Protein backbone atom coordinates (compact mmCIF):
# COMPACT_ATOMS: atom_id res chain seq x y z
CA MET A 1 31.31 -33.00 -34.81
CA ALA A 2 33.34 -30.29 -33.14
CA ARG A 3 33.99 -27.18 -35.23
CA ALA A 4 37.64 -26.11 -35.38
CA ALA A 5 36.62 -22.45 -35.46
CA LEU A 6 35.28 -22.81 -31.92
CA GLY A 7 38.37 -24.45 -30.49
CA TRP A 8 39.30 -21.31 -28.55
CA ILE A 9 36.27 -21.88 -26.30
CA ASP A 10 37.97 -24.81 -24.53
CA ALA A 11 40.75 -22.53 -23.27
CA GLU A 12 38.21 -19.92 -22.16
CA LEU A 13 36.23 -22.49 -20.18
CA ALA A 14 39.42 -23.81 -18.58
CA SER A 15 40.34 -20.25 -17.58
CA LEU A 16 36.92 -19.71 -16.01
CA ASP A 17 37.31 -22.98 -14.08
CA ALA A 18 40.73 -21.96 -12.81
CA LYS A 19 39.41 -18.62 -11.58
CA GLY A 20 36.32 -20.09 -9.93
CA LEU A 21 34.11 -18.11 -12.31
CA ARG A 22 32.50 -20.81 -14.45
CA ARG A 23 28.74 -20.87 -14.10
CA SER A 24 26.25 -23.71 -14.49
CA LEU A 25 22.50 -24.07 -14.53
CA GLU A 26 20.61 -25.68 -11.65
CA PRO A 27 17.43 -27.32 -12.98
CA LEU A 28 14.56 -27.31 -10.50
CA ALA A 29 12.26 -30.31 -10.33
CA SER A 30 9.49 -28.26 -8.73
CA ALA A 31 7.72 -24.94 -9.03
CA GLN A 32 9.18 -21.87 -7.37
CA GLY A 33 8.44 -21.76 -3.68
CA PRO A 34 10.05 -21.56 -0.24
CA VAL A 35 11.24 -25.14 -0.72
CA VAL A 36 12.34 -26.45 -4.12
CA THR A 37 13.63 -29.77 -5.39
CA VAL A 38 17.19 -29.63 -6.75
CA GLY A 39 19.16 -32.72 -7.68
CA GLY A 40 16.44 -34.91 -6.24
CA ARG A 41 16.54 -33.20 -2.82
CA PRO A 42 14.18 -30.71 -1.17
CA LEU A 43 16.09 -27.53 -0.30
CA VAL A 44 15.01 -24.31 1.38
CA ASN A 45 15.10 -21.82 -1.48
CA LEU A 46 17.04 -18.67 -0.60
CA CYS A 47 17.89 -17.69 -4.18
CA SER A 48 14.65 -16.47 -5.69
CA ASN A 49 13.39 -12.92 -6.22
CA ASP A 50 9.85 -14.18 -5.60
CA TYR A 51 9.62 -11.76 -2.67
CA LEU A 52 5.87 -12.04 -2.08
CA GLY A 53 5.62 -15.77 -2.73
CA LEU A 54 3.40 -15.32 -5.78
CA ALA A 55 5.24 -17.28 -8.48
CA GLY A 56 3.48 -20.49 -7.50
CA ASP A 57 0.26 -18.91 -6.20
CA PRO A 58 -2.80 -20.82 -7.53
CA ARG A 59 -4.59 -17.55 -8.32
CA LEU A 60 -1.81 -16.51 -10.66
CA ARG A 61 -1.73 -19.96 -12.25
CA ARG A 62 -5.46 -19.84 -12.92
CA ALA A 63 -5.26 -16.33 -14.32
CA ALA A 64 -2.40 -17.35 -16.61
CA ALA A 65 -4.33 -20.36 -17.88
CA GLU A 66 -7.50 -18.35 -18.44
CA ALA A 67 -5.62 -15.66 -20.38
CA ALA A 68 -3.95 -18.27 -22.58
CA GLU A 69 -7.29 -19.98 -23.20
CA ARG A 70 -8.90 -16.68 -24.11
CA GLU A 71 -6.13 -15.01 -26.16
CA GLY A 72 -3.72 -17.77 -27.14
CA ALA A 73 -0.38 -19.22 -26.10
CA GLY A 74 1.64 -16.49 -27.81
CA SER A 75 1.19 -12.98 -29.14
CA GLY A 76 2.45 -13.87 -32.60
CA ALA A 77 4.24 -10.62 -33.41
CA ALA A 78 5.53 -7.33 -32.13
CA ARG A 79 2.67 -5.14 -30.94
CA LEU A 80 3.20 -2.59 -33.70
CA VAL A 81 2.88 -5.33 -36.31
CA ALA A 82 0.01 -7.57 -35.29
CA GLY A 83 0.55 -8.59 -31.69
CA ASP A 84 -1.32 -5.92 -29.71
CA LEU A 85 -3.81 -7.99 -27.72
CA ALA A 86 -6.54 -6.74 -25.43
CA VAL A 87 -4.75 -8.17 -22.38
CA HIS A 88 -1.74 -5.92 -23.03
CA GLY A 89 -3.90 -2.81 -22.79
CA ARG A 90 -5.66 -4.08 -19.67
CA LEU A 91 -2.36 -4.73 -17.95
CA GLU A 92 -0.88 -1.36 -18.95
CA ARG A 93 -3.90 0.48 -17.58
CA ALA A 94 -3.67 -1.50 -14.33
CA LEU A 95 0.05 -0.76 -14.05
CA ALA A 96 -0.46 2.96 -14.66
CA ALA A 97 -3.05 3.00 -11.87
CA PHE A 98 -0.69 1.03 -9.62
CA GLU A 99 2.17 3.48 -10.32
CA GLY A 100 -0.05 6.57 -10.17
CA THR A 101 1.03 7.71 -13.65
CA GLU A 102 -0.74 8.72 -16.84
CA ALA A 103 0.44 5.69 -18.78
CA ALA A 104 2.59 2.56 -18.79
CA LEU A 105 4.22 0.47 -21.50
CA LEU A 106 5.06 -3.24 -21.38
CA PHE A 107 8.49 -4.62 -22.24
CA GLY A 108 9.63 -8.21 -22.64
CA SER A 109 11.83 -8.05 -19.54
CA GLY A 110 13.60 -5.61 -17.27
CA TYR A 111 16.67 -6.10 -19.43
CA HIS A 112 14.67 -5.12 -22.51
CA ALA A 113 13.43 -1.97 -20.79
CA ASN A 114 16.82 -0.88 -19.48
CA ALA A 115 18.55 -1.69 -22.75
CA GLY A 116 16.04 0.20 -24.88
CA VAL A 117 14.76 3.22 -22.98
CA PRO A 118 17.98 5.24 -22.55
CA ALA A 119 18.58 5.31 -26.32
CA ALA A 120 15.06 6.65 -26.81
CA LEU A 121 15.83 9.58 -24.50
CA VAL A 122 19.48 10.48 -25.15
CA GLY A 123 22.01 10.16 -27.96
CA ARG A 124 25.41 11.29 -29.20
CA ASP A 125 25.12 14.91 -28.08
CA ASP A 126 23.87 13.97 -24.62
CA ALA A 127 25.18 12.54 -21.35
CA VAL A 128 23.96 9.76 -19.10
CA PHE A 129 24.97 9.46 -15.44
CA SER A 130 24.97 6.02 -13.82
CA ASP A 131 25.72 4.65 -10.33
CA VAL A 132 28.73 2.31 -10.55
CA LEU A 133 26.70 -0.52 -8.99
CA ASN A 134 23.76 -0.26 -11.40
CA HIS A 135 22.54 -3.49 -12.96
CA ALA A 136 24.32 -4.74 -16.08
CA SER A 137 21.23 -4.04 -18.18
CA ILE A 138 21.38 -0.36 -17.23
CA ILE A 139 25.04 -0.17 -18.17
CA ASP A 140 24.32 -1.83 -21.52
CA GLY A 141 21.43 0.55 -22.18
CA CYS A 142 23.61 3.55 -21.42
CA LEU A 143 26.30 2.30 -23.81
CA LEU A 144 23.76 1.53 -26.54
CA SER A 145 22.43 5.09 -26.32
CA ARG A 146 25.84 6.38 -27.55
CA ALA A 147 25.56 9.25 -25.11
CA GLU A 148 28.59 10.11 -23.02
CA LEU A 149 28.57 7.75 -20.05
CA LEU A 150 29.62 9.23 -16.71
CA ARG A 151 29.65 6.85 -13.73
CA TYR A 152 29.54 8.13 -10.15
CA ARG A 153 30.59 6.33 -6.97
CA HIS A 154 27.89 4.24 -5.40
CA ALA A 155 25.16 6.44 -3.87
CA ASP A 156 27.54 9.43 -3.96
CA VAL A 157 25.25 12.36 -4.73
CA GLY A 158 28.11 14.82 -4.26
CA GLU A 159 30.04 13.28 -7.14
CA LEU A 160 26.87 13.07 -9.23
CA GLU A 161 26.23 16.77 -8.57
CA SER A 162 29.77 17.66 -9.69
CA LEU A 163 29.42 15.65 -12.89
CA LEU A 164 26.06 17.22 -13.68
CA ALA A 165 27.39 20.73 -13.04
CA ALA A 166 30.39 20.19 -15.32
CA SER A 167 28.42 18.67 -18.20
CA ARG A 168 27.52 20.78 -21.22
CA ALA A 169 25.46 18.04 -22.82
CA ARG A 170 22.31 18.87 -24.76
CA ARG A 171 20.24 16.50 -22.59
CA LYS A 172 21.16 14.83 -19.31
CA LEU A 173 19.78 11.56 -18.01
CA VAL A 174 20.47 10.14 -14.53
CA VAL A 175 19.81 6.42 -14.20
CA THR A 176 19.82 4.45 -10.94
CA ASP A 177 18.53 1.31 -9.38
CA THR A 178 16.34 2.19 -6.43
CA ILE A 179 17.22 -1.04 -4.62
CA PHE A 180 20.55 -2.55 -5.57
CA GLY A 181 19.97 -6.23 -6.21
CA MET A 182 23.26 -7.56 -4.86
CA ASP A 183 23.41 -5.37 -1.75
CA GLY A 184 19.80 -4.72 -0.72
CA ASP A 185 20.49 -1.03 -0.06
CA ALA A 186 18.58 1.95 -1.41
CA ALA A 187 19.64 4.82 -3.63
CA PRO A 188 19.48 8.26 -1.94
CA LEU A 189 16.57 9.03 -4.21
CA ALA A 190 15.39 12.33 -2.73
CA GLU A 191 18.88 13.81 -2.99
CA ILE A 192 19.28 12.48 -6.53
CA ALA A 193 15.95 14.07 -7.51
CA ASP A 194 17.13 17.38 -6.03
CA ALA A 195 20.34 17.23 -8.07
CA CYS A 196 18.43 16.42 -11.26
CA GLU A 197 16.10 19.38 -10.75
CA ARG A 198 18.99 21.76 -10.08
CA HIS A 199 20.74 20.73 -13.30
CA GLY A 200 17.82 20.09 -15.63
CA ALA A 201 18.39 16.33 -15.84
CA MET A 202 15.83 13.62 -16.45
CA LEU A 203 15.62 10.90 -13.79
CA TYR A 204 15.09 7.24 -14.68
CA VAL A 205 14.78 4.72 -11.84
CA ASP A 206 14.83 0.94 -11.95
CA GLU A 207 12.41 -0.33 -9.30
CA ALA A 208 12.91 -4.01 -10.15
CA HIS A 209 13.68 -5.10 -6.58
CA ALA A 210 11.32 -2.56 -5.00
CA THR A 211 8.13 -3.16 -7.01
CA GLY A 212 5.64 -5.01 -4.82
CA VAL A 213 7.93 -4.75 -1.79
CA LEU A 214 8.25 -1.07 -0.82
CA GLY A 215 5.76 1.75 -0.47
CA PRO A 216 2.30 2.00 1.08
CA ASN A 217 0.81 0.33 -2.00
CA GLY A 218 3.85 -1.68 -3.07
CA ALA A 219 4.72 0.59 -5.99
CA GLY A 220 8.39 0.93 -5.01
CA LEU A 221 10.88 3.26 -3.37
CA ALA A 222 9.68 6.40 -5.15
CA ASP A 223 6.22 5.66 -3.79
CA ALA A 224 7.60 4.97 -0.30
CA LEU A 225 9.46 8.30 -0.24
CA GLY A 226 6.65 10.37 -1.77
CA LEU A 227 8.73 11.09 -4.86
CA ARG A 228 6.53 9.68 -7.60
CA ASP A 229 5.97 13.06 -9.25
CA ARG A 230 9.69 13.88 -9.22
CA VAL A 231 10.80 10.83 -11.19
CA ASP A 232 10.45 11.08 -14.95
CA VAL A 233 10.72 7.39 -15.84
CA ARG A 234 9.92 4.46 -13.54
CA MET A 235 10.75 0.92 -14.59
CA GLY A 236 9.40 -2.08 -12.72
CA THR A 237 9.48 -5.79 -13.37
CA LEU A 238 6.65 -8.30 -13.37
CA GLY A 239 8.92 -11.30 -12.76
CA LYS A 240 10.14 -10.72 -9.21
CA ALA A 241 7.65 -9.80 -6.48
CA LEU A 242 4.77 -9.95 -8.97
CA GLY A 243 5.52 -13.58 -9.72
CA SER A 244 5.10 -13.46 -13.51
CA PHE A 245 7.37 -12.26 -16.35
CA GLY A 246 8.06 -9.04 -18.20
CA ALA A 247 8.51 -5.40 -17.25
CA HIS A 248 6.90 -2.01 -17.60
CA VAL A 249 7.88 1.62 -17.87
CA ALA A 250 5.53 4.16 -16.30
CA GLY A 251 5.35 7.91 -16.64
CA GLU A 252 3.68 10.72 -18.56
CA ARG A 253 1.61 9.81 -21.61
CA ARG A 254 3.95 11.69 -23.94
CA LEU A 255 6.88 9.63 -22.62
CA VAL A 256 5.08 6.38 -23.43
CA GLN A 257 4.11 7.68 -26.86
CA LEU A 258 7.76 8.45 -27.59
CA LEU A 259 8.88 5.00 -26.43
CA VAL A 260 6.37 3.32 -28.72
CA SER A 261 8.10 5.01 -31.65
CA ARG A 262 11.70 5.05 -30.41
CA ALA A 263 12.45 2.17 -28.01
CA ARG A 264 13.98 -0.51 -30.21
CA THR A 265 13.55 -3.23 -27.58
CA PHE A 266 9.81 -2.57 -27.67
CA ILE A 267 9.44 -2.11 -31.42
CA PHE A 268 11.46 -5.07 -32.64
CA THR A 269 10.38 -7.95 -30.41
CA THR A 270 7.36 -10.19 -30.02
CA ALA A 271 4.90 -9.01 -27.38
CA LEU A 272 4.49 -10.67 -23.99
CA PRO A 273 2.38 -13.85 -24.08
CA PRO A 274 -1.14 -13.57 -22.69
CA ALA A 275 -0.42 -15.98 -19.84
CA ALA A 276 2.28 -13.71 -18.39
CA CYS A 277 -0.07 -10.73 -18.60
CA GLY A 278 -2.93 -12.58 -16.99
CA ALA A 279 -0.73 -13.68 -14.10
CA ALA A 280 0.58 -10.13 -13.62
CA LEU A 281 -2.95 -8.74 -13.50
CA ALA A 282 -3.83 -11.24 -10.78
CA ALA A 283 -0.63 -10.36 -8.89
CA LEU A 284 -1.50 -6.67 -8.87
CA GLU A 285 -4.82 -7.52 -7.27
CA VAL A 286 -3.10 -9.64 -4.60
CA VAL A 287 -0.61 -6.84 -3.86
CA ARG A 288 -3.52 -4.43 -3.42
CA ALA A 289 -5.62 -6.76 -1.29
CA GLU A 290 -2.92 -8.38 0.86
CA PRO A 291 -0.47 -5.79 2.26
CA GLU A 292 0.34 -8.29 4.97
CA ARG A 293 2.61 -10.06 2.46
CA ARG A 294 4.90 -7.03 2.40
CA ALA A 295 4.84 -6.80 6.18
CA ARG A 296 5.63 -10.51 6.42
CA VAL A 297 8.71 -10.44 4.19
CA HIS A 298 10.08 -7.34 5.94
CA ALA A 299 9.64 -9.01 9.33
CA LEU A 300 11.53 -12.08 8.12
CA ALA A 301 14.27 -9.87 6.69
CA ALA A 302 14.62 -8.06 10.03
CA ARG A 303 14.90 -11.42 11.79
CA ALA A 304 17.59 -12.56 9.35
CA LYS A 305 19.49 -9.26 9.65
CA ALA A 306 19.59 -9.57 13.41
CA GLY A 307 20.86 -13.13 13.15
CA LEU A 308 23.52 -12.19 10.61
CA ALA A 309 24.67 -9.35 12.85
CA ARG A 310 25.26 -11.90 15.61
CA LEU A 311 27.50 -13.76 13.15
CA GLY A 312 29.46 -10.60 12.37
CA PHE A 313 27.65 -9.39 9.23
CA GLU A 314 26.39 -5.88 9.89
CA LEU A 315 23.92 -4.74 7.22
CA PRO A 316 22.73 -1.29 8.32
CA ARG A 317 21.97 -0.06 4.78
CA VAL A 318 19.80 -3.04 3.79
CA VAL A 319 16.15 -2.06 3.34
CA ALA A 320 14.91 -4.93 1.18
CA PRO A 321 14.64 -8.72 1.66
CA ILE A 322 18.09 -9.08 0.05
CA LEU A 323 20.88 -9.96 2.49
CA PRO A 324 24.47 -10.04 1.19
CA VAL A 325 26.75 -12.38 3.11
CA VAL A 326 30.09 -11.15 1.76
CA LEU A 327 32.83 -13.77 2.06
CA GLY A 328 35.57 -12.32 -0.15
CA GLY A 329 37.17 -14.72 -2.60
CA GLU A 330 35.34 -16.74 -5.23
CA ALA A 331 36.44 -20.13 -3.89
CA ARG A 332 35.28 -19.27 -0.37
CA ALA A 333 31.81 -18.27 -1.55
CA VAL A 334 31.47 -21.41 -3.68
CA ALA A 335 32.56 -23.60 -0.78
CA ALA A 336 30.03 -21.98 1.53
CA SER A 337 27.25 -22.47 -1.01
CA ARG A 338 28.09 -26.16 -1.36
CA ALA A 339 28.29 -26.71 2.38
CA LEU A 340 24.91 -25.04 2.91
CA ARG A 341 23.37 -27.23 0.23
CA GLU A 342 24.58 -30.30 2.12
CA ARG A 343 22.64 -28.93 5.09
CA GLY A 344 19.46 -28.35 3.06
CA TYR A 345 19.73 -24.70 1.97
CA PHE A 346 19.84 -23.54 -1.65
CA VAL A 347 21.75 -20.26 -1.83
CA ARG A 348 24.07 -19.51 -4.75
CA ALA A 349 27.54 -17.98 -4.71
CA ILE A 350 27.60 -14.61 -6.47
CA ARG A 351 30.97 -13.83 -8.04
CA PRO A 352 32.57 -11.30 -10.40
CA PRO A 353 31.60 -9.76 -12.73
CA THR A 354 28.21 -9.63 -11.03
CA VAL A 355 29.88 -8.13 -7.95
CA PRO A 356 33.28 -6.41 -7.59
CA ARG A 357 36.34 -8.63 -7.21
CA GLY A 358 37.03 -9.48 -3.59
CA THR A 359 33.35 -9.25 -2.61
CA SER A 360 32.04 -12.67 -3.66
CA ARG A 361 29.08 -13.52 -1.52
CA LEU A 362 26.02 -15.51 -0.74
CA ARG A 363 23.00 -13.49 -1.83
CA VAL A 364 20.19 -14.46 0.52
CA ALA A 365 16.73 -13.51 -0.77
CA LEU A 366 13.65 -13.99 1.39
CA SER A 367 10.01 -14.48 0.52
CA ALA A 368 6.76 -13.93 2.35
CA SER A 369 6.22 -17.67 2.02
CA HIS A 370 9.26 -18.53 4.13
CA THR A 371 8.81 -19.38 7.80
CA GLU A 372 10.70 -18.29 10.88
CA ALA A 373 12.03 -21.85 11.04
CA HIS A 374 13.49 -21.49 7.55
CA VAL A 375 15.31 -18.32 8.59
CA ASP A 376 16.54 -19.68 11.94
CA GLY A 377 17.62 -22.96 10.39
CA PHE A 378 19.64 -21.15 7.74
CA LEU A 379 21.34 -18.97 10.33
CA GLY A 380 22.30 -22.04 12.34
CA ALA A 381 23.64 -23.80 9.25
CA LEU A 382 25.58 -20.72 8.21
CA GLU A 383 27.19 -20.48 11.64
CA GLU A 384 28.42 -24.07 11.26
CA VAL A 385 29.70 -23.45 7.73
CA LEU A 386 31.59 -20.31 8.72
CA ARG A 387 33.49 -22.27 11.36
CA GLU A 388 34.58 -24.76 8.70
CA LEU A 389 35.59 -22.30 5.98
CA PRO A 390 39.29 -21.60 5.53
CA PRO A 391 40.28 -17.99 6.35
CA GLU A 392 40.38 -15.50 3.50
């Protein structure tokens, strides 16, 4: 029976429909992979953040099953209560070694980490500085900290420097994605680190889309640029290139000790299940042993970038296997997504508020498990679709 108190929702849903902003789930009838089954049809999957093709890897599946068999289906409680299992410690030690830091701490997701860590580092008398294109979880974490939030233009270190110089806050925290998930471009991390050092600010980077993908060992952009020792807090996810679920924060031991006592999204939530930890441990071993996966996905991304340039989409700033095909209006992006699905390609339309109004797009994400034929076929299909789309 419908509740009268919720009657306002009907008007909200109708408004979302009218604006082309209503979202819906797309159940998959298969495991993640380069080809997935959606609506009873096999489609080339260009939506997933499974950059190294590990989400369906049999080694990760076996490791997940073995961890669940050994330590249970769930952790039962928050780690500070009664849920601190041996597999959590093993994974944290492996992640600290991977990141080249003294310690690491697991979180339930990247959202949990970004929502909880800023408030553990800054508060009412402090200031936090955030790129305007940072992920929603970073913005929420900054707001939850109750510090003064100062947003600088995307990748504009000059504006960041001015804001830092003018601030009289007790503590200053600069937060940035390293790879921006809707654009595939990189933060000017060396220049940001310089600005932080000049103004006594802490630097927190979100390596979600760089972990496993960038750097000589796959540890992210800070690793790739030789800046690991100049970043105070490094967050990475386990659910993208590492094919599992969860996130971690890496840094000095004293930082991790503080987060254990202060990060509410760590303290007040049930710990990661053993299966996710087991899979992540196996993924770290694959990343170490098979650098050719990183080379493979970057080669495919270069092939796709060249093809998109021929279609008029220049992407000079893109450094990750994320390729934004910006089409403008919401309806145009939705129409392109539907037309590509008819041709066998699963790529979703990304619309506001995920991206700024007027920049709705197809977000094409590649995996090491894709083939050249997948990339070339998509480019050919996109060329056909673009001819059919109405002008903006």
